[in-house]
Amino acid sequence: MTAEYLLRCERNQDACMAFTNRVLEVLTTAAFFQQKTIYKGCAPTPLDIEGTGQLVKWILTYPQQATGYAADDIAKAAEALWPCK
């Protein structure tokens, strides 16, 4: 859940970054296999602490777009921050 993800990020930046990068890896792999409906972003993976912070800040800034599921909200934030060109 997104609330748990944000709490994890608040408590431990390294765990937050690791989880975020795992989610982005899965999303990127799924998109590669023609599942573009799942993820349409081009986040520069692996994200560093700064990139992870930007992603978390986006989720906090746009709570009305949150679904409640961390993977979905990470995807939305990544698509908004790093759209494919």
N, C-alpha and C. Protein backbone atom coordinates (compact mmCIF):
# COMPACT_ATOMS: atom_id res chain seq x y z
N MET A 1 0.83 -1.17 0.00
CA MET A 1 0.00 0.00 0.00
C MET A 1 0.89 1.25 0.00
N THR A 2 0.38 2.29 -0.61
CA THR A 2 1.16 3.53 -0.73
C THR A 2 1.49 4.13 0.62
N ALA A 3 0.56 4.10 1.55
CA ALA A 3 0.82 4.66 2.88
C ALA A 3 1.99 3.95 3.55
N GLU A 4 2.05 2.64 3.43
CA GLU A 4 3.17 1.88 4.00
C GLU A 4 4.48 2.21 3.29
N TYR A 5 4.42 2.37 1.99
CA TYR A 5 5.59 2.74 1.20
C TYR A 5 6.13 4.09 1.65
N LEU A 6 5.25 5.07 1.78
CA LEU A 6 5.68 6.41 2.20
C LEU A 6 6.25 6.39 3.62
N LEU A 7 5.67 5.60 4.48
CA LEU A 7 6.19 5.47 5.85
C LEU A 7 7.58 4.83 5.82
N ARG A 8 7.76 3.82 4.99
CA ARG A 8 9.07 3.19 4.84
C ARG A 8 10.09 4.21 4.34
N CYS A 9 9.67 5.03 3.40
CA CYS A 9 10.57 6.04 2.85
C CYS A 9 10.97 7.08 3.90
N GLU A 10 10.04 7.40 4.76
CA GLU A 10 10.31 8.36 5.82
C GLU A 10 11.31 7.79 6.83
N ARG A 11 11.21 6.50 7.08
CA ARG A 11 12.05 5.86 8.11
C ARG A 11 13.42 5.41 7.61
N ASN A 12 13.49 4.98 6.34
CA ASN A 12 14.73 4.39 5.85
C ASN A 12 14.88 4.66 4.35
N GLN A 13 15.73 5.63 4.01
CA GLN A 13 15.90 6.01 2.61
C GLN A 13 16.45 4.89 1.76
N ASP A 14 17.36 4.10 2.31
CA ASP A 14 17.94 3.00 1.52
C ASP A 14 16.89 1.95 1.17
N ALA A 15 16.04 1.59 2.15
CA ALA A 15 14.98 0.61 1.88
C ALA A 15 13.98 1.18 0.88
N CYS A 16 13.70 2.46 0.99
CA CYS A 16 12.79 3.13 0.06
C CYS A 16 13.35 3.07 -1.36
N MET A 17 14.61 3.43 -1.50
CA MET A 17 15.25 3.42 -2.81
C MET A 17 15.29 2.01 -3.39
N ALA A 18 15.61 1.02 -2.58
CA ALA A 18 15.67 -0.36 -3.06
C ALA A 18 14.29 -0.83 -3.54
N PHE A 19 13.25 -0.56 -2.76
CA PHE A 19 11.91 -0.97 -3.15
C PHE A 19 11.47 -0.25 -4.43
N THR A 20 11.71 1.04 -4.49
CA THR A 20 11.34 1.83 -5.67
C THR A 20 12.01 1.28 -6.92
N ASN A 21 13.28 0.98 -6.82
CA ASN A 21 14.01 0.45 -7.98
C ASN A 21 13.53 -0.93 -8.38
N ARG A 22 13.16 -1.77 -7.41
CA ARG A 22 12.61 -3.09 -7.75
C ARG A 22 11.30 -2.93 -8.51
N VAL A 23 10.45 -2.03 -8.04
CA VAL A 23 9.16 -1.81 -8.72
C VAL A 23 9.40 -1.29 -10.14
N LEU A 24 10.30 -0.33 -10.28
CA LEU A 24 10.59 0.22 -11.62
C LEU A 24 11.18 -0.83 -12.55
N GLU A 25 11.99 -1.73 -12.03
CA GLU A 25 12.53 -2.83 -12.85
C GLU A 25 11.41 -3.70 -13.40
N VAL A 26 10.48 -4.07 -12.54
CA VAL A 26 9.36 -4.92 -12.95
C VAL A 26 8.50 -4.18 -13.98
N LEU A 27 8.22 -2.90 -13.72
CA LEU A 27 7.40 -2.13 -14.65
C LEU A 27 8.07 -1.98 -16.01
N THR A 28 9.36 -1.73 -16.00
CA THR A 28 10.11 -1.58 -17.26
C THR A 28 10.13 -2.89 -18.03
N THR A 29 10.31 -3.99 -17.33
CA THR A 29 10.30 -5.30 -17.98
C THR A 29 8.94 -5.60 -18.58
N ALA A 30 7.88 -5.31 -17.84
CA ALA A 30 6.52 -5.54 -18.35
C ALA A 30 6.26 -4.68 -19.58
N ALA A 31 6.69 -3.43 -19.54
CA ALA A 31 6.50 -2.54 -20.70
C ALA A 31 7.27 -3.05 -21.91
N PHE A 32 8.45 -3.60 -21.67
CA PHE A 32 9.26 -4.15 -22.75
C PHE A 32 8.52 -5.27 -23.47
N PHE A 33 7.76 -6.06 -22.72
CA PHE A 33 7.01 -7.16 -23.30
C PHE A 33 5.61 -6.74 -23.72
N GLN A 34 5.50 -5.50 -24.21
CA GLN A 34 4.28 -4.97 -24.82
C GLN A 34 3.12 -4.75 -23.86
N GLN A 35 3.39 -4.57 -22.60
CA GLN A 35 2.32 -4.27 -21.65
C GLN A 35 2.38 -2.79 -21.28
N LYS A 36 2.32 -1.95 -22.30
CA LYS A 36 2.45 -0.50 -22.12
C LYS A 36 1.32 0.10 -21.29
N THR A 37 0.23 -0.62 -21.12
CA THR A 37 -0.84 -0.09 -20.29
C THR A 37 -0.43 -0.06 -18.83
N ILE A 38 0.55 -0.86 -18.47
CA ILE A 38 1.01 -0.92 -17.08
C ILE A 38 1.95 0.25 -16.76
N TYR A 39 2.84 0.56 -17.66
CA TYR A 39 3.85 1.60 -17.40
C TYR A 39 4.31 2.22 -18.71
N LYS A 40 4.24 3.55 -18.76
CA LYS A 40 4.62 4.27 -19.97
C LYS A 40 5.74 5.27 -19.70
N GLY A 41 6.46 5.10 -18.62
CA GLY A 41 7.52 6.03 -18.26
C GLY A 41 8.89 5.57 -18.71
N CYS A 42 9.84 6.44 -18.50
CA CYS A 42 11.23 6.15 -18.85
C CYS A 42 12.15 6.63 -17.72
N ALA A 43 11.86 6.21 -16.52
CA ALA A 43 12.67 6.61 -15.37
C ALA A 43 14.09 6.09 -15.55
N PRO A 44 15.08 6.91 -15.21
CA PRO A 44 16.48 6.48 -15.33
C PRO A 44 16.84 5.53 -14.19
N THR A 45 16.63 4.25 -14.41
CA THR A 45 16.90 3.28 -13.35
C THR A 45 18.34 2.81 -13.38
N PRO A 46 18.90 2.50 -12.26
CA PRO A 46 18.31 2.64 -10.93
C PRO A 46 18.33 4.09 -10.48
N LEU A 47 17.28 4.46 -9.76
CA LEU A 47 17.21 5.80 -9.21
C LEU A 47 18.17 5.92 -8.03
N ASP A 48 18.74 7.09 -7.88
CA ASP A 48 19.56 7.36 -6.70
C ASP A 48 18.66 7.97 -5.63
N ILE A 49 19.25 8.39 -4.53
CA ILE A 49 18.47 8.97 -3.43
C ILE A 49 17.71 10.20 -3.90
N GLU A 50 18.34 11.03 -4.72
CA GLU A 50 17.69 12.25 -5.21
C GLU A 50 16.48 11.92 -6.08
N GLY A 51 16.65 11.00 -7.01
CA GLY A 51 15.54 10.60 -7.88
C GLY A 51 14.40 9.97 -7.10
N THR A 52 14.75 9.13 -6.13
CA THR A 52 13.73 8.51 -5.29
C THR A 52 12.99 9.59 -4.51
N GLY A 53 13.72 10.56 -4.01
CA GLY A 53 13.10 11.66 -3.28
C GLY A 53 12.14 12.45 -4.15
N GLN A 54 12.52 12.68 -5.41
CA GLN A 54 11.64 13.39 -6.34
C GLN A 54 10.35 12.60 -6.55
N LEU A 55 10.47 11.30 -6.69
CA LEU A 55 9.32 10.44 -6.91
C LEU A 55 8.39 10.47 -5.70
N VAL A 56 8.95 10.34 -4.51
CA VAL A 56 8.15 10.38 -3.28
C VAL A 56 7.47 11.74 -3.14
N LYS A 57 8.21 12.80 -3.42
CA LYS A 57 7.64 14.15 -3.33
C LYS A 57 6.46 14.30 -4.30
N TRP A 58 6.57 13.74 -5.50
CA TRP A 58 5.48 13.83 -6.47
C TRP A 58 4.24 13.13 -5.91
N ILE A 59 4.41 11.95 -5.34
CA ILE A 59 3.27 11.22 -4.77
C ILE A 59 2.62 12.05 -3.65
N LEU A 60 3.43 12.67 -2.82
CA LEU A 60 2.90 13.48 -1.72
C LEU A 60 2.23 14.76 -2.24
N THR A 61 2.73 15.29 -3.34
CA THR A 61 2.18 16.53 -3.90
C THR A 61 0.86 16.29 -4.61
N TYR A 62 0.65 15.11 -5.15
CA TYR A 62 -0.57 14.79 -5.91
C TYR A 62 -1.33 13.63 -5.28
N PRO A 63 -1.75 13.76 -4.02
CA PRO A 63 -2.44 12.63 -3.37
C PRO A 63 -3.77 12.28 -4.02
N GLN A 64 -4.38 13.24 -4.72
CA GLN A 64 -5.65 12.97 -5.38
C GLN A 64 -5.50 11.97 -6.52
N GLN A 65 -4.27 11.80 -7.02
CA GLN A 65 -4.03 10.84 -8.10
C GLN A 65 -3.60 9.47 -7.57
N ALA A 66 -3.43 9.37 -6.27
CA ALA A 66 -2.96 8.11 -5.68
C ALA A 66 -4.07 7.06 -5.71
N THR A 67 -3.66 5.83 -5.97
CA THR A 67 -4.61 4.72 -6.02
C THR A 67 -4.65 3.95 -4.70
N GLY A 68 -3.62 4.13 -3.90
CA GLY A 68 -3.53 3.37 -2.67
C GLY A 68 -2.58 2.18 -2.80
N TYR A 69 -2.18 1.88 -4.02
CA TYR A 69 -1.25 0.78 -4.27
C TYR A 69 0.10 1.36 -4.67
N ALA A 70 1.12 1.03 -3.93
CA ALA A 70 2.44 1.62 -4.12
C ALA A 70 2.95 1.45 -5.55
N ALA A 71 2.85 0.27 -6.11
CA ALA A 71 3.38 0.05 -7.46
C ALA A 71 2.67 0.94 -8.49
N ASP A 72 1.37 1.08 -8.37
CA ASP A 72 0.62 1.95 -9.29
C ASP A 72 1.03 3.40 -9.13
N ASP A 73 1.20 3.82 -7.89
CA ASP A 73 1.54 5.22 -7.63
C ASP A 73 2.99 5.53 -7.99
N ILE A 74 3.87 4.58 -7.83
CA ILE A 74 5.25 4.75 -8.28
C ILE A 74 5.26 4.89 -9.81
N ALA A 75 4.48 4.07 -10.49
CA ALA A 75 4.40 4.17 -11.95
C ALA A 75 3.88 5.53 -12.40
N LYS A 76 2.80 6.01 -11.77
CA LYS A 76 2.25 7.32 -12.14
C LYS A 76 3.27 8.43 -11.93
N ALA A 77 3.95 8.39 -10.79
CA ALA A 77 4.94 9.42 -10.50
C ALA A 77 6.09 9.36 -11.51
N ALA A 78 6.57 8.17 -11.81
CA ALA A 78 7.67 8.01 -12.76
C ALA A 78 7.26 8.48 -14.16
N GLU A 79 6.04 8.18 -14.57
CA GLU A 79 5.56 8.62 -15.88
C GLU A 79 5.49 10.14 -15.94
N ALA A 80 5.07 10.77 -14.85
CA ALA A 80 4.97 12.24 -14.82
C ALA A 80 6.34 12.89 -14.79
N LEU A 81 7.25 12.32 -14.02
CA LEU A 81 8.59 12.91 -13.87
C LEU A 81 9.52 12.60 -15.04
N TRP A 82 9.41 11.40 -15.58
CA TRP A 82 10.32 10.96 -16.65
C TRP A 82 9.53 10.36 -17.81
N PRO A 83 8.80 11.20 -18.54
CA PRO A 83 8.05 10.65 -19.68
C PRO A 83 9.01 10.23 -20.79
N CYS A 84 8.58 9.25 -21.54
CA CYS A 84 9.39 8.80 -22.67
C CYS A 84 9.31 9.85 -23.78
N LYS A 85 10.42 9.99 -24.49
CA LYS A 85 10.45 11.01 -25.56
C LYS A 85 10.29 10.38 -26.90
